[in-house]
């Protein structure tokens, strides 16, 4: 059974709220234990809750803060494409602005089973280094 648009929107909001608080445990709790993630898409797949938690923990070494906002959500079946905007600052104080698309796949309980993230990694690295 597919999730409703409201249920998908709520699941996306929970994930972004967890990311915005930079809470690795809360972020990981949005995923199933066997979830996979490619962030950005085309990079090595991150598989399972333990590896996803390690990925989120690692981000704390690069960012002082950040905020992710969903600009629009396009649901279809058990998936949703979400256009997002992320702003923040690196540990070095350099400002960061990046846009992209997350494609979420959810289980019937609203937890993420797969996440594919599309954004320009070289541009983000350039912002943090400049």
C-alpha atoms as a PDB file:
ATOM      1  CA  UNK A   1       0.000   0.000   0.000  1.00  0.00           C
ATOM      2  CA  UNK A   2       1.372   3.408  -0.971  1.00  0.00           C
ATOM      3  CA  UNK A   3       1.812   6.229   1.480  1.00  0.00           C
ATOM      4  CA  UNK A   4      -0.361   9.300   1.148  1.00  0.00           C
ATOM      5  CA  UNK A   5       1.163  12.575   0.011  1.00  0.00           C
ATOM      6  CA  UNK A   6       0.747  13.898   3.560  1.00  0.00           C
ATOM      7  CA  UNK A   7       2.524  10.865   5.055  1.00  0.00           C
ATOM      8  CA  UNK A   8       5.436  11.275   2.618  1.00  0.00           C
ATOM      9  CA  UNK A   9       5.655  14.976   3.367  1.00  0.00           C
ATOM     10  CA  UNK A  10       5.706  14.213   7.105  1.00  0.00           C
ATOM     11  CA  UNK A  11       8.477  11.611   6.613  1.00  0.00           C
ATOM     12  CA  UNK A  12      10.558  14.094   4.595  1.00  0.00           C
ATOM     13  CA  UNK A  13       9.985  16.790   7.233  1.00  0.00           C
ATOM     14  CA  UNK A  14      11.149  14.397  10.002  1.00  0.00           C
ATOM     15  CA  UNK A  15      14.308  13.574   8.054  1.00  0.00           C
ATOM     16  CA  UNK A  16      15.115  17.233   7.339  1.00  0.00           C
ATOM     17  CA  UNK A  17      14.423  18.205  10.978  1.00  0.00           C
ATOM     18  CA  UNK A  18      16.847  15.503  12.136  1.00  0.00           C
ATOM     19  CA  UNK A  19      19.489  16.643   9.642  1.00  0.00           C
ATOM     20  CA  UNK A  20      19.014  20.300  10.589  1.00  0.00           C
ATOM     21  CA  UNK A  21      19.620  19.456  14.245  1.00  0.00           C
ATOM     22  CA  UNK A  22      22.759  17.550  13.150  1.00  0.00           C
ATOM     23  CA  UNK A  23      21.490  14.643  15.239  1.00  0.00           C
ATOM     24  CA  UNK A  24      23.044  11.518  13.717  1.00  0.00           C
ATOM     25  CA  UNK A  25      20.930   9.134  15.802  1.00  0.00           C
ATOM     26  CA  UNK A  26      17.657  10.840  14.856  1.00  0.00           C
ATOM     27  CA  UNK A  27      18.723  11.017  11.202  1.00  0.00           C
ATOM     28  CA  UNK A  28      19.591   7.311  11.163  1.00  0.00           C
ATOM     29  CA  UNK A  29      16.271   6.436  12.830  1.00  0.00           C
ATOM     30  CA  UNK A  30      14.501   7.724   9.702  1.00  0.00           C
ATOM     31  CA  UNK A  31      15.981   4.753   7.787  1.00  0.00           C
ATOM     32  CA  UNK A  32      15.272   1.025   7.886  1.00  0.00           C
ATOM     33  CA  UNK A  33      18.073  -1.172   9.242  1.00  0.00           C
ATOM     34  CA  UNK A  34      18.896  -2.412   5.717  1.00  0.00           C
ATOM     35  CA  UNK A  35      18.508   0.915   3.911  1.00  0.00           C
ATOM     36  CA  UNK A  36      20.898   2.138   1.245  1.00  0.00           C
ATOM     37  CA  UNK A  37      21.967   5.655   0.389  1.00  0.00           C
ATOM     38  CA  UNK A  38      24.016   7.306  -2.356  1.00  0.00           C
ATOM     39  CA  UNK A  39      24.966  10.840  -1.365  1.00  0.00           C
ATOM     40  CA  UNK A  40      25.713  12.137  -3.925  1.00  0.00           C
ATOM     41  CA  UNK A  41      24.292   9.761  -6.507  1.00  0.00           C
ATOM     42  CA  UNK A  42      27.043   7.842  -8.270  1.00  0.00           C
ATOM     43  CA  UNK A  43      29.224   7.668  -5.174  1.00  0.00           C
ATOM     44  CA  UNK A  44      29.795   4.447  -3.280  1.00  0.00           C
ATOM     45  CA  UNK A  45      26.539   3.089  -1.894  1.00  0.00           C
ATOM     46  CA  UNK A  46      26.219   3.358   1.885  1.00  0.00           C
ATOM     47  CA  UNK A  47      24.470   0.223   3.097  1.00  0.00           C
ATOM     48  CA  UNK A  48      22.774  -0.423   6.430  1.00  0.00           C
ATOM     49  CA  UNK A  49      21.962   1.678   9.462  1.00  0.00           C
ATOM     50  CA  UNK A  50      25.441   1.391  10.991  1.00  0.00           C
ATOM     51  CA  UNK A  51      27.156   2.718   7.852  1.00  0.00           C
ATOM     52  CA  UNK A  52      24.531   5.447   7.439  1.00  0.00           C
ATOM     53  CA  UNK A  53      25.098   6.551  11.053  1.00  0.00           C
ATOM     54  CA  UNK A  54      28.872   6.666  10.425  1.00  0.00           C
ATOM     55  CA  UNK A  55      28.266   8.819   7.335  1.00  0.00           C
ATOM     56  CA  UNK A  56      26.170  11.300   9.337  1.00  0.00           C
ATOM     57  CA  UNK A  57      28.716  11.326  12.177  1.00  0.00           C
ATOM     58  CA  UNK A  58      31.417  12.154   9.615  1.00  0.00           C
ATOM     59  CA  UNK A  59      29.548  15.214   8.375  1.00  0.00           C
ATOM     60  CA  UNK A  60      30.006  16.838  11.773  1.00  0.00           C
ATOM     61  CA  UNK A  61      33.726  17.119  10.979  1.00  0.00           C
ATOM     62  CA  UNK A  62      33.010  19.330   7.955  1.00  0.00           C
ATOM     63  CA  UNK A  63      30.022  21.493   8.921  1.00  0.00           C
ATOM     64  CA  UNK A  64      29.503  23.928  11.763  1.00  0.00           C
ATOM     65  CA  UNK A  65      25.811  24.127  10.925  1.00  0.00           C
ATOM     66  CA  UNK A  66      23.417  23.731   8.048  1.00  0.00           C
ATOM     67  CA  UNK A  67      19.746  23.925   7.219  1.00  0.00           C
ATOM     68  CA  UNK A  68      17.945  21.886   4.591  1.00  0.00           C
ATOM     69  CA  UNK A  69      14.575  23.068   3.304  1.00  0.00           C
ATOM     70  CA  UNK A  70      12.231  21.166   0.995  1.00  0.00           C
ATOM     71  CA  UNK A  71      11.238  23.520  -1.806  1.00  0.00           C
ATOM     72  CA  UNK A  72       8.854  21.072  -3.475  1.00  0.00           C
ATOM     73  CA  UNK A  73       7.849  17.427  -3.176  1.00  0.00           C
ATOM     74  CA  UNK A  74       6.792  15.183  -6.064  1.00  0.00           C
ATOM     75  CA  UNK A  75       5.357  11.878  -4.769  1.00  0.00           C
ATOM     76  CA  UNK A  76       4.746   8.762  -6.829  1.00  0.00           C
ATOM     77  CA  UNK A  77       3.877   5.390  -5.321  1.00  0.00           C
ATOM     78  CA  UNK A  78       6.270   4.751  -2.446  1.00  0.00           C
ATOM     79  CA  UNK A  79       8.807   7.301  -3.706  1.00  0.00           C
ATOM     80  CA  UNK A  80       9.141  11.053  -3.564  1.00  0.00           C
ATOM     81  CA  UNK A  81      11.479  13.393  -5.414  1.00  0.00           C
ATOM     82  CA  UNK A  82      12.244  16.414  -3.235  1.00  0.00           C
ATOM     83  CA  UNK A  83      13.830  19.592  -4.541  1.00  0.00           C
ATOM     84  CA  UNK A  84      15.888  20.994  -1.670  1.00  0.00           C
ATOM     85  CA  UNK A  85      18.059  23.951  -0.741  1.00  0.00           C
ATOM     86  CA  UNK A  86      20.824  23.611   1.847  1.00  0.00           C
ATOM     87  CA  UNK A  87      22.561  26.567   3.488  1.00  0.00           C
ATOM     88  CA  UNK A  88      25.093  26.652   6.264  1.00  0.00           C
ATOM     89  CA  UNK A  89      28.762  26.982   7.069  1.00  0.00           C
ATOM     90  CA  UNK A  90      31.781  24.740   7.141  1.00  0.00           C
ATOM     91  CA  UNK A  91      33.889  24.270  10.259  1.00  0.00           C
ATOM     92  CA  UNK A  92      36.184  26.896   8.736  1.00  0.00           C
ATOM     93  CA  UNK A  93      33.321  29.435   8.710  1.00  0.00           C
ATOM     94  CA  UNK A  94      32.966  29.413   4.907  1.00  0.00           C
ATOM     95  CA  UNK A  95      29.332  29.818   3.811  1.00  0.00           C
ATOM     96  CA  UNK A  96      27.605  27.066   1.869  1.00  0.00           C
ATOM     97  CA  UNK A  97      24.601  27.130  -0.455  1.00  0.00           C
ATOM     98  CA  UNK A  98      23.615  24.122  -2.516  1.00  0.00           C
ATOM     99  CA  UNK A  99      20.489  22.994  -4.287  1.00  0.00           C
ATOM    100  CA  UNK A 100      19.609  19.539  -5.414  1.00  0.00           C
ATOM    101  CA  UNK A 101      17.133  16.705  -5.464  1.00  0.00           C
ATOM    102  CA  UNK A 102      16.690  13.846  -3.026  1.00  0.00           C
ATOM    103  CA  UNK A 103      14.781  10.797  -4.235  1.00  0.00           C
ATOM    104  CA  UNK A 104      13.349   8.932  -1.261  1.00  0.00           C
ATOM    105  CA  UNK A 105      11.910   5.428  -1.276  1.00  0.00           C
ATOM    106  CA  UNK A 106       9.788   4.574   1.775  1.00  0.00           C
ATOM    107  CA  UNK A 107       8.423   1.414   3.340  1.00  0.00           C
ATOM    108  CA  UNK A 108       4.794   1.185   4.503  1.00  0.00           C
ATOM    109  CA  UNK A 109       5.779   2.586   7.930  1.00  0.00           C
ATOM    110  CA  UNK A 110       7.261   5.762   6.460  1.00  0.00           C
ATOM    111  CA  UNK A 111      10.915   4.854   7.000  1.00  0.00           C
ATOM    112  CA  UNK A 112      13.468   5.405   4.245  1.00  0.00           C
ATOM    113  CA  UNK A 113      14.566   2.239   2.424  1.00  0.00           C
ATOM    114  CA  UNK A 114      16.636   4.020  -0.227  1.00  0.00           C
ATOM    115  CA  UNK A 115      17.861   7.572  -0.684  1.00  0.00           C
ATOM    116  CA  UNK A 116      19.500   8.910  -3.818  1.00  0.00           C
ATOM    117  CA  UNK A 117      20.841  12.472  -3.578  1.00  0.00           C
ATOM    118  CA  UNK A 118      21.631  14.604  -6.600  1.00  0.00           C
ATOM    119  CA  UNK A 119      23.790  17.680  -6.030  1.00  0.00           C
ATOM    120  CA  UNK A 120      27.042  19.149  -7.331  1.00  0.00           C
ATOM    121  CA  UNK A 121      29.767  17.795  -5.012  1.00  0.00           C
ATOM    122  CA  UNK A 122      32.680  19.657  -6.685  1.00  0.00           C
ATOM    123  CA  UNK A 123      30.816  22.969  -6.327  1.00  0.00           C
ATOM    124  CA  UNK A 124      30.189  22.319  -2.628  1.00  0.00           C
ATOM    125  CA  UNK A 125      33.839  21.455  -2.013  1.00  0.00           C
ATOM    126  CA  UNK A 126      34.885  24.617  -3.858  1.00  0.00           C
ATOM    127  CA  UNK A 127      32.630  26.727  -1.615  1.00  0.00           C
ATOM    128  CA  UNK A 128      34.085  25.185   1.515  1.00  0.00           C
ATOM    129  CA  UNK A 129      37.661  25.736   0.306  1.00  0.00           C
ATOM    130  CA  UNK A 130      37.309  29.263  -1.113  1.00  0.00           C
END
